[in-house]
Amino acid sequence: MERLRAEAGDDFPEGVTAFREGMAVHGRFGQPCPVCGAKVQRIRYATNETNYCAKCQTGGRLLADRALSRLLKQDWPRMLDDA
């Protein structure tokens, strides 16, 4: 909030979006994580998507995508090294 206030001054902040350069992996599925270089993963549900770095944020554990993990069942990779 402070950064937006500093950027906008007394004006209404234009171009406010959820995608910010300071967010390391948001909106960067498939690209390397800027911290560790691991491929950014995603979870999709309906029209929503969450991006995360499995190495930095979950200790290498891949989070289950509701539809795909149900389809693959036991073949769903549990850890980043298994993928």
PDB file of N, CA and C in Angstrom:
ATOM      1  N   MET A   1       0.818  -1.175   0.000  1.00  0.00           N
ATOM      2  CA  MET A   1       0.000   0.000   0.000  1.00  0.00           C
ATOM      3  C   MET A   1       0.873   1.254   0.000  1.00  0.00           C
ATOM      4  N   GLU A   2       1.920   1.215   0.799  1.00  0.00           N
ATOM      5  CA  GLU A   2       2.800   2.380   0.867  1.00  0.00           C
ATOM      6  C   GLU A   2       3.448   2.654  -0.484  1.00  0.00           C
ATOM      7  N   ARG A   3       3.841   1.580  -1.172  1.00  0.00           N
ATOM      8  CA  ARG A   3       4.476   1.752  -2.478  1.00  0.00           C
ATOM      9  C   ARG A   3       3.490   2.343  -3.478  1.00  0.00           C
ATOM     10  N   LEU A   4       2.239   1.868  -3.458  1.00  0.00           N
ATOM     11  CA  LEU A   4       1.225   2.426  -4.361  1.00  0.00           C
ATOM     12  C   LEU A   4       0.974   3.900  -4.063  1.00  0.00           C
ATOM     13  N   ARG A   5       0.918   4.225  -2.783  1.00  0.00           N
ATOM     14  CA  ARG A   5       0.706   5.624  -2.411  1.00  0.00           C
ATOM     15  C   ARG A   5       1.875   6.489  -2.877  1.00  0.00           C
ATOM     16  N   ALA A   6       3.088   5.962  -2.751  1.00  0.00           N
ATOM     17  CA  ALA A   6       4.263   6.718  -3.182  1.00  0.00           C
ATOM     18  C   ALA A   6       4.279   6.894  -4.700  1.00  0.00           C
ATOM     19  N   GLU A   7       3.884   5.850  -5.433  1.00  0.00           N
ATOM     20  CA  GLU A   7       3.863   5.923  -6.893  1.00  0.00           C
ATOM     21  C   GLU A   7       2.776   6.875  -7.389  1.00  0.00           C
ATOM     22  N   ALA A   8       1.605   6.838  -6.762  1.00  0.00           N
ATOM     23  CA  ALA A   8       0.468   7.621  -7.240  1.00  0.00           C
ATOM     24  C   ALA A   8       0.435   9.038  -6.680  1.00  0.00           C
ATOM     25  N   GLY A   9       1.063   9.262  -5.542  1.00  0.00           N
ATOM     26  CA  GLY A   9       0.983  10.586  -4.928  1.00  0.00           C
ATOM     27  C   GLY A   9      -0.442  10.875  -4.509  1.00  0.00           C
ATOM     28  N   ASP A  10      -0.961  12.028  -4.892  1.00  0.00           N
ATOM     29  CA  ASP A  10      -2.330  12.396  -4.548  1.00  0.00           C
ATOM     30  C   ASP A  10      -3.347  11.909  -5.577  1.00  0.00           C
ATOM     31  N   ASP A  11      -2.877  11.349  -6.692  1.00  0.00           N
ATOM     32  CA  ASP A  11      -3.766  10.863  -7.747  1.00  0.00           C
ATOM     33  C   ASP A  11      -4.240   9.443  -7.440  1.00  0.00           C
ATOM     34  N   PHE A  12      -5.279   9.014  -8.166  1.00  0.00           N
ATOM     35  CA  PHE A  12      -5.743   7.636  -8.057  1.00  0.00           C
ATOM     36  C   PHE A  12      -4.723   6.738  -8.743  1.00  0.00           C
ATOM     37  N   PRO A  13      -4.310   5.614  -8.123  1.00  0.00           N
ATOM     38  CA  PRO A  13      -3.311   4.734  -8.751  1.00  0.00           C
ATOM     39  C   PRO A  13      -3.861   4.078 -10.009  1.00  0.00           C
ATOM     40  N   GLU A  14      -3.194   4.273 -11.124  1.00  0.00           N
ATOM     41  CA  GLU A  14      -3.598   3.686 -12.400  1.00  0.00           C
ATOM     42  C   GLU A  14      -2.837   2.384 -12.614  1.00  0.00           C
ATOM     43  N   GLY A  15      -3.424   1.484 -13.345  1.00  0.00           N
ATOM     44  CA  GLY A  15      -2.744   0.244 -13.712  1.00  0.00           C
ATOM     45  C   GLY A  15      -2.502  -0.701 -12.551  1.00  0.00           C
ATOM     46  N   VAL A  16      -3.347  -0.638 -11.524  1.00  0.00           N
ATOM     47  CA  VAL A  16      -3.187  -1.555 -10.403  1.00  0.00           C
ATOM     48  C   VAL A  16      -3.607  -2.940 -10.862  1.00  0.00           C
ATOM     49  N   THR A  17      -2.768  -3.903 -10.639  1.00  0.00           N
ATOM     50  CA  THR A  17      -3.027  -5.268 -11.072  1.00  0.00           C
ATOM     51  C   THR A  17      -2.456  -6.246 -10.065  1.00  0.00           C
ATOM     52  N   ALA A  18      -2.918  -7.480 -10.117  1.00  0.00           N
ATOM     53  CA  ALA A  18      -2.401  -8.511  -9.228  1.00  0.00           C
ATOM     54  C   ALA A  18      -0.992  -8.926  -9.640  1.00  0.00           C
ATOM     55  N   PHE A  19      -0.639  -8.719 -10.897  1.00  0.00           N
ATOM     56  CA  PHE A  19       0.679  -9.114 -11.387  1.00  0.00           C
ATOM     57  C   PHE A  19       1.673  -7.990 -11.120  1.00  0.00           C
ATOM     58  N   ARG A  20       2.555  -8.217 -10.186  1.00  0.00           N
ATOM     59  CA  ARG A  20       3.572  -7.234  -9.804  1.00  0.00           C
ATOM     60  C   ARG A  20       4.953  -7.817 -10.027  1.00  0.00           C
ATOM     61  N   GLU A  21       5.880  -6.987 -10.418  1.00  0.00           N
ATOM     62  CA  GLU A  21       7.256  -7.440 -10.625  1.00  0.00           C
ATOM     63  C   GLU A  21       7.859  -8.010  -9.345  1.00  0.00           C
ATOM     64  N   GLY A  22       7.446  -7.476  -8.197  1.00  0.00           N
ATOM     65  CA  GLY A  22       7.985  -7.943  -6.927  1.00  0.00           C
ATOM     66  C   GLY A  22       7.509  -9.325  -6.521  1.00  0.00           C
ATOM     67  N   MET A  23       6.492  -9.836  -7.194  1.00  0.00           N
ATOM     68  CA  MET A  23       5.992 -11.167  -6.885  1.00  0.00           C
ATOM     69  C   MET A  23       6.810 -12.160  -7.698  1.00  0.00           C
ATOM     70  N   ALA A  24       7.566 -12.969  -7.019  1.00  0.00           N
ATOM     71  CA  ALA A  24       8.573 -13.804  -7.666  1.00  0.00           C
ATOM     72  C   ALA A  24       8.020 -14.763  -8.724  1.00  0.00           C
ATOM     73  N   VAL A  25       6.920 -15.455  -8.458  1.00  0.00           N
ATOM     74  CA  VAL A  25       6.458 -16.471  -9.399  1.00  0.00           C
ATOM     75  C   VAL A  25       5.038 -16.262  -9.898  1.00  0.00           C
ATOM     76  N   HIS A  26       4.347 -15.247  -9.433  1.00  0.00           N
ATOM     77  CA  HIS A  26       2.954 -15.020  -9.830  1.00  0.00           C
ATOM     78  C   HIS A  26       2.858 -14.791 -11.336  1.00  0.00           C
ATOM     79  N   GLY A  27       2.067 -15.615 -12.020  1.00  0.00           N
ATOM     80  CA  GLY A  27       1.893 -15.480 -13.462  1.00  0.00           C
ATOM     81  C   GLY A  27       3.076 -15.955 -14.277  1.00  0.00           C
ATOM     82  N   ARG A  28       3.944 -16.777 -13.696  1.00  0.00           N
ATOM     83  CA  ARG A  28       5.158 -17.215 -14.400  1.00  0.00           C
ATOM     84  C   ARG A  28       5.254 -18.728 -14.529  1.00  0.00           C
ATOM     85  N   PHE A  29       4.124 -19.394 -14.752  1.00  0.00           N
ATOM     86  CA  PHE A  29       4.118 -20.844 -14.902  1.00  0.00           C
ATOM     87  C   PHE A  29       5.078 -21.282 -16.004  1.00  0.00           C
ATOM     88  N   GLY A  30       5.869 -22.307 -15.698  1.00  0.00           N
ATOM     89  CA  GLY A  30       6.787 -22.877 -16.678  1.00  0.00           C
ATOM     90  C   GLY A  30       8.116 -22.164 -16.784  1.00  0.00           C
ATOM     91  N   GLN A  31       8.219 -20.976 -16.226  1.00  0.00           N
ATOM     92  CA  GLN A  31       9.470 -20.224 -16.271  1.00  0.00           C
ATOM     93  C   GLN A  31      10.313 -20.584 -15.049  1.00  0.00           C
ATOM     94  N   PRO A  32      11.603 -20.313 -15.090  1.00  0.00           N
ATOM     95  CA  PRO A  32      12.436 -20.618 -13.922  1.00  0.00           C
ATOM     96  C   PRO A  32      12.146 -19.656 -12.768  1.00  0.00           C
ATOM     97  N   CYS A  33      12.176 -20.184 -11.569  1.00  0.00           N
ATOM     98  CA  CYS A  33      12.019 -19.363 -10.362  1.00  0.00           C
ATOM     99  C   CYS A  33      13.211 -18.413 -10.286  1.00  0.00           C
ATOM    100  N   PRO A  34      12.984 -17.121 -10.035  1.00  0.00           N
ATOM    101  CA  PRO A  34      14.103 -16.179  -9.974  1.00  0.00           C
ATOM    102  C   PRO A  34      15.016 -16.401  -8.771  1.00  0.00           C
ATOM    103  N   VAL A  35      14.570 -17.164  -7.792  1.00  0.00           N
ATOM    104  CA  VAL A  35      15.387 -17.417  -6.602  1.00  0.00           C
ATOM    105  C   VAL A  35      16.255 -18.657  -6.766  1.00  0.00           C
ATOM    106  N   CYS A  36      15.619 -19.796  -7.175  1.00  0.00           N
ATOM    107  CA  CYS A  36      16.365 -21.059  -7.213  1.00  0.00           C
ATOM    108  C   CYS A  36      16.521 -21.645  -8.614  1.00  0.00           C
ATOM    109  N   GLY A  37      15.753 -21.174  -9.582  1.00  0.00           N
ATOM    110  CA  GLY A  37      15.857 -21.670 -10.955  1.00  0.00           C
ATOM    111  C   GLY A  37      14.973 -22.864 -11.273  1.00  0.00           C
ATOM    112  N   ALA A  38      14.253 -23.396 -10.284  1.00  0.00           N
ATOM    113  CA  ALA A  38      13.349 -24.524 -10.541  1.00  0.00           C
ATOM    114  C   ALA A  38      12.155 -24.036 -11.364  1.00  0.00           C
ATOM    115  N   LYS A  39      11.563 -24.936 -12.130  1.00  0.00           N
ATOM    116  CA  LYS A  39      10.419 -24.591 -12.974  1.00  0.00           C
ATOM    117  C   LYS A  39       9.213 -24.241 -12.096  1.00  0.00           C
ATOM    118  N   VAL A  40       8.573 -23.115 -12.373  1.00  0.00           N
ATOM    119  CA  VAL A  40       7.397 -22.679 -11.624  1.00  0.00           C
ATOM    120  C   VAL A  40       6.229 -23.602 -11.963  1.00  0.00           C
ATOM    121  N   GLN A  41       5.553 -24.096 -10.934  1.00  0.00           N
ATOM    122  CA  GLN A  41       4.429 -25.017 -11.067  1.00  0.00           C
ATOM    123  C   GLN A  41       3.114 -24.247 -10.965  1.00  0.00           C
ATOM    124  N   ARG A  42       2.006 -24.910 -11.296  1.00  0.00           N
ATOM    125  CA  ARG A  42       0.710 -24.257 -11.146  1.00  0.00           C
ATOM    126  C   ARG A  42      -0.346 -25.261 -10.705  1.00  0.00           C
ATOM    127  N   ILE A  43      -1.364 -24.714 -10.084  1.00  0.00           N
ATOM    128  CA  ILE A  43      -2.565 -25.455  -9.734  1.00  0.00           C
ATOM    129  C   ILE A  43      -3.699 -24.708 -10.408  1.00  0.00           C
ATOM    130  N   ARG A  44      -4.545 -25.432 -11.147  1.00  0.00           N
ATOM    131  CA  ARG A  44      -5.692 -24.792 -11.798  1.00  0.00           C
ATOM    132  C   ARG A  44      -6.972 -25.389 -11.247  1.00  0.00           C
ATOM    133  N   TYR A  45      -7.932 -24.524 -11.009  1.00  0.00           N
ATOM    134  CA  TYR A  45      -9.266 -24.944 -10.597  1.00  0.00           C
ATOM    135  C   TYR A  45     -10.265 -24.000 -11.237  1.00  0.00           C
ATOM    136  N   ALA A  46     -11.090 -24.536 -12.113  1.00  0.00           N
ATOM    137  CA  ALA A  46     -12.052 -23.737 -12.877  1.00  0.00           C
ATOM    138  C   ALA A  46     -11.285 -22.651 -13.629  1.00  0.00           C
ATOM    139  N   THR A  47     -11.567 -21.386 -13.383  1.00  0.00           N
ATOM    140  CA  THR A  47     -10.875 -20.307 -14.080  1.00  0.00           C
ATOM    141  C   THR A  47      -9.758 -19.697 -13.238  1.00  0.00           C
ATOM    142  N   ASN A  48      -9.481 -20.271 -12.075  1.00  0.00           N
ATOM    143  CA  ASN A  48      -8.428 -19.745 -11.195  1.00  0.00           C
ATOM    144  C   ASN A  48      -7.137 -20.521 -11.367  1.00  0.00           C
ATOM    145  N   GLU A  49      -6.038 -19.834 -11.158  1.00  0.00           N
ATOM    146  CA  GLU A  49      -4.721 -20.450 -11.262  1.00  0.00           C
ATOM    147  C   GLU A  49      -3.833 -19.904 -10.157  1.00  0.00           C
ATOM    148  N   THR A  50      -3.072 -20.799  -9.543  1.00  0.00           N
ATOM    149  CA  THR A  50      -2.094 -20.408  -8.536  1.00  0.00           C
ATOM    150  C   THR A  50      -0.736 -20.911  -8.985  1.00  0.00           C
ATOM    151  N   ASN A  51       0.250 -20.038  -8.967  1.00  0.00           N
ATOM    152  CA  ASN A  51       1.611 -20.408  -9.345  1.00  0.00           C
ATOM    153  C   ASN A  51       2.470 -20.467  -8.088  1.00  0.00           C
ATOM    154  N   TYR A  52       3.388 -21.422  -8.055  1.00  0.00           N
ATOM    155  CA  TYR A  52       4.266 -21.561  -6.893  1.00  0.00           C
ATOM    156  C   TYR A  52       5.563 -22.223  -7.300  1.00  0.00           C
ATOM    157  N   CYS A  53       6.584 -22.011  -6.503  1.00  0.00           N
ATOM    158  CA  CYS A  53       7.858 -22.693  -6.709  1.00  0.00           C
ATOM    159  C   CYS A  53       7.898 -23.848  -5.722  1.00  0.00           C
ATOM    160  N   ALA A  54       7.880 -25.060  -6.240  1.00  0.00           N
ATOM    161  CA  ALA A  54       7.862 -26.237  -5.373  1.00  0.00           C
ATOM    162  C   ALA A  54       9.132 -26.325  -4.530  1.00  0.00           C
ATOM    163  N   LYS A  55      10.243 -25.905  -5.057  1.00  0.00           N
ATOM    164  CA  LYS A  55      11.499 -26.008  -4.316  1.00  0.00           C
ATOM    165  C   LYS A  55      11.559 -24.989  -3.170  1.00  0.00           C
ATOM    166  N   CYS A  56      11.202 -23.744  -3.445  1.00  0.00           N
ATOM    167  CA  CYS A  56      11.282 -22.692  -2.430  1.00  0.00           C
ATOM    168  C   CYS A  56      10.108 -22.713  -1.450  1.00  0.00           C
ATOM    169  N   GLN A  57       8.910 -22.987  -1.949  1.00  0.00           N
ATOM    170  CA  GLN A  57       7.720 -22.799  -1.133  1.00  0.00           C
ATOM    171  C   GLN A  57       7.173 -24.066  -0.485  1.00  0.00           C
ATOM    172  N   THR A  58       7.429 -25.231  -1.050  1.00  0.00           N
ATOM    173  CA  THR A  58       6.863 -26.452  -0.468  1.00  0.00           C
ATOM    174  C   THR A  58       7.923 -27.516  -0.201  1.00  0.00           C
ATOM    175  N   GLY A  59       9.171 -27.138  -0.205  1.00  0.00           N
ATOM    176  CA  GLY A  59      10.231 -28.100   0.088  1.00  0.00           C
ATOM    177  C   GLY A  59      10.364 -29.199  -0.946  1.00  0.00           C
ATOM    178  N   GLY A  60       9.969 -28.911  -2.184  1.00  0.00           N
ATOM    179  CA  GLY A  60      10.074 -29.888  -3.266  1.00  0.00           C
ATOM    180  C   GLY A  60       8.810 -30.703  -3.485  1.00  0.00           C
ATOM    181  N   ARG A  61       7.815 -30.536  -2.645  1.00  0.00           N
ATOM    182  CA  ARG A  61       6.568 -31.290  -2.771  1.00  0.00           C
ATOM    183  C   ARG A  61       5.659 -30.620  -3.802  1.00  0.00           C
ATOM    184  N   LEU A  62       5.163 -31.416  -4.757  1.00  0.00           N
ATOM    185  CA  LEU A  62       4.232 -30.902  -5.759  1.00  0.00           C
ATOM    186  C   LEU A  62       2.823 -30.928  -5.183  1.00  0.00           C
ATOM    187  N   LEU A  63       2.127 -29.823  -5.276  1.00  0.00           N
ATOM    188  CA  LEU A  63       0.764 -29.733  -4.785  1.00  0.00           C
ATOM    189  C   LEU A  63      -0.178 -30.354  -5.804  1.00  0.00           C
ATOM    190  N   ALA A  64      -1.229 -30.988  -5.328  1.00  0.00           N
ATOM    191  CA  ALA A  64      -2.163 -31.695  -6.200  1.00  0.00           C
ATOM    192  C   ALA A  64      -3.080 -30.723  -6.925  1.00  0.00           C
ATOM    193  N   ASP A  65      -3.149 -30.881  -8.223  1.00  0.00           N
ATOM    194  CA  ASP A  65      -4.116 -30.181  -9.053  1.00  0.00           C
ATOM    195  C   ASP A  65      -5.369 -31.045  -9.018  1.00  0.00           C
ATOM    196  N   ARG A  66      -6.470 -30.503  -8.613  1.00  0.00           N
ATOM    197  CA  ARG A  66      -7.669 -31.295  -8.345  1.00  0.00           C
ATOM    198  C   ARG A  66      -8.039 -32.250  -9.479  1.00  0.00           C
ATOM    199  N   ALA A  67      -8.109 -31.774 -10.693  1.00  0.00           N
ATOM    200  CA  ALA A  67      -8.535 -32.618 -11.811  1.00  0.00           C
ATOM    201  C   ALA A  67      -7.431 -33.563 -12.267  1.00  0.00           C
ATOM    202  N   LEU A  68      -6.253 -33.037 -12.495  1.00  0.00           N
ATOM    203  CA  LEU A  68      -5.175 -33.851 -13.048  1.00  0.00           C
ATOM    204  C   LEU A  68      -4.681 -34.906 -12.061  1.00  0.00           C
ATOM    205  N   SER A  69      -4.577 -34.563 -10.800  1.00  0.00           N
ATOM    206  CA  SER A  69      -4.107 -35.544  -9.815  1.00  0.00           C
ATOM    207  C   SER A  69      -5.125 -36.669  -9.629  1.00  0.00           C
ATOM    208  N   ARG A  70      -6.412 -36.356  -9.759  1.00  0.00           N
ATOM    209  CA  ARG A  70      -7.443 -37.407  -9.687  1.00  0.00           C
ATOM    210  C   ARG A  70      -7.346 -38.332 -10.885  1.00  0.00           C
ATOM    211  N   LEU A  71      -7.068 -37.782 -12.039  1.00  0.00           N
ATOM    212  CA  LEU A  71      -6.948 -38.586 -13.250  1.00  0.00           C
ATOM    213  C   LEU A  71      -5.734 -39.506 -13.176  1.00  0.00           C
ATOM    214  N   LEU A  72      -4.606 -38.966 -12.747  1.00  0.00           N
ATOM    215  CA  LEU A  72      -3.360 -39.741 -12.712  1.00  0.00           C
ATOM    216  C   LEU A  72      -3.232 -40.637 -11.484  1.00  0.00           C
ATOM    217  N   LYS A  73      -3.961 -40.332 -10.416  1.00  0.00           N
ATOM    218  CA  LYS A  73      -3.960 -41.087  -9.163  1.00  0.00           C
ATOM    219  C   LYS A  73      -2.542 -41.414  -8.703  1.00  0.00           C
ATOM    220  N   GLN A  74      -2.151 -42.680  -8.715  1.00  0.00           N
ATOM    221  CA  GLN A  74      -0.841 -43.088  -8.188  1.00  0.00           C
ATOM    222  C   GLN A  74       0.326 -42.627  -9.056  1.00  0.00           C
ATOM    223  N   ASP A  75       0.048 -42.256 -10.309  1.00  0.00           N
ATOM    224  CA  ASP A  75       1.106 -41.779 -11.192  1.00  0.00           C
ATOM    225  C   ASP A  75       1.418 -40.300 -10.988  1.00  0.00           C
ATOM    226  N   TRP A  76       0.612 -39.605 -10.149  1.00  0.00           N
ATOM    227  CA  TRP A  76       0.850 -38.186  -9.876  1.00  0.00           C
ATOM    228  C   TRP A  76       2.169 -38.053  -9.124  1.00  0.00           C
ATOM    229  N   PRO A  77       3.131 -37.286  -9.645  1.00  0.00           N
ATOM    230  CA  PRO A  77       4.410 -37.136  -8.940  1.00  0.00           C
ATOM    231  C   PRO A  77       4.209 -36.391  -7.616  1.00  0.00           C
ATOM    232  N   ARG A  78       4.769 -36.901  -6.551  1.00  0.00           N
ATOM    233  CA  ARG A  78       4.619 -36.299  -5.234  1.00  0.00           C
ATOM    234  C   ARG A  78       5.686 -35.244  -4.950  1.00  0.00           C
ATOM    235  N   MET A  79       6.854 -35.446  -5.504  1.00  0.00           N
ATOM    236  CA  MET A  79       7.972 -34.541  -5.261  1.00  0.00           C
ATOM    237  C   MET A  79       8.493 -33.997  -6.588  1.00  0.00           C
ATOM    238  N   LEU A  80       9.137 -32.851  -6.546  1.00  0.00           N
ATOM    239  CA  LEU A  80       9.677 -32.211  -7.726  1.00  0.00           C
ATOM    240  C   LEU A  80      10.650 -33.110  -8.457  1.00  0.00           C
ATOM    241  N   ASP A  81      11.446 -33.873  -7.723  1.00  0.00           N
ATOM    242  CA  ASP A  81      12.430 -34.775  -8.334  1.00  0.00           C
ATOM    243  C   ASP A  81      11.767 -35.939  -9.065  1.00  0.00           C
ATOM    244  N   ASP A  82      10.516 -36.251  -8.732  1.00  0.00           N
ATOM    245  CA  ASP A  82       9.794 -37.361  -9.378  1.00  0.00           C
ATOM    246  C   ASP A  82       9.190 -36.943 -10.718  1.00  0.00           C
ATOM    247  N   ALA A  83       9.015 -35.650 -10.924  1.00  0.00           N
ATOM    248  CA  ALA A  83       8.322 -35.155 -12.124  1.00  0.00           C
ATOM    249  C   ALA A  83       9.155 -35.290 -13.376  1.00  0.00           C
TER     250      ALA A  83
END
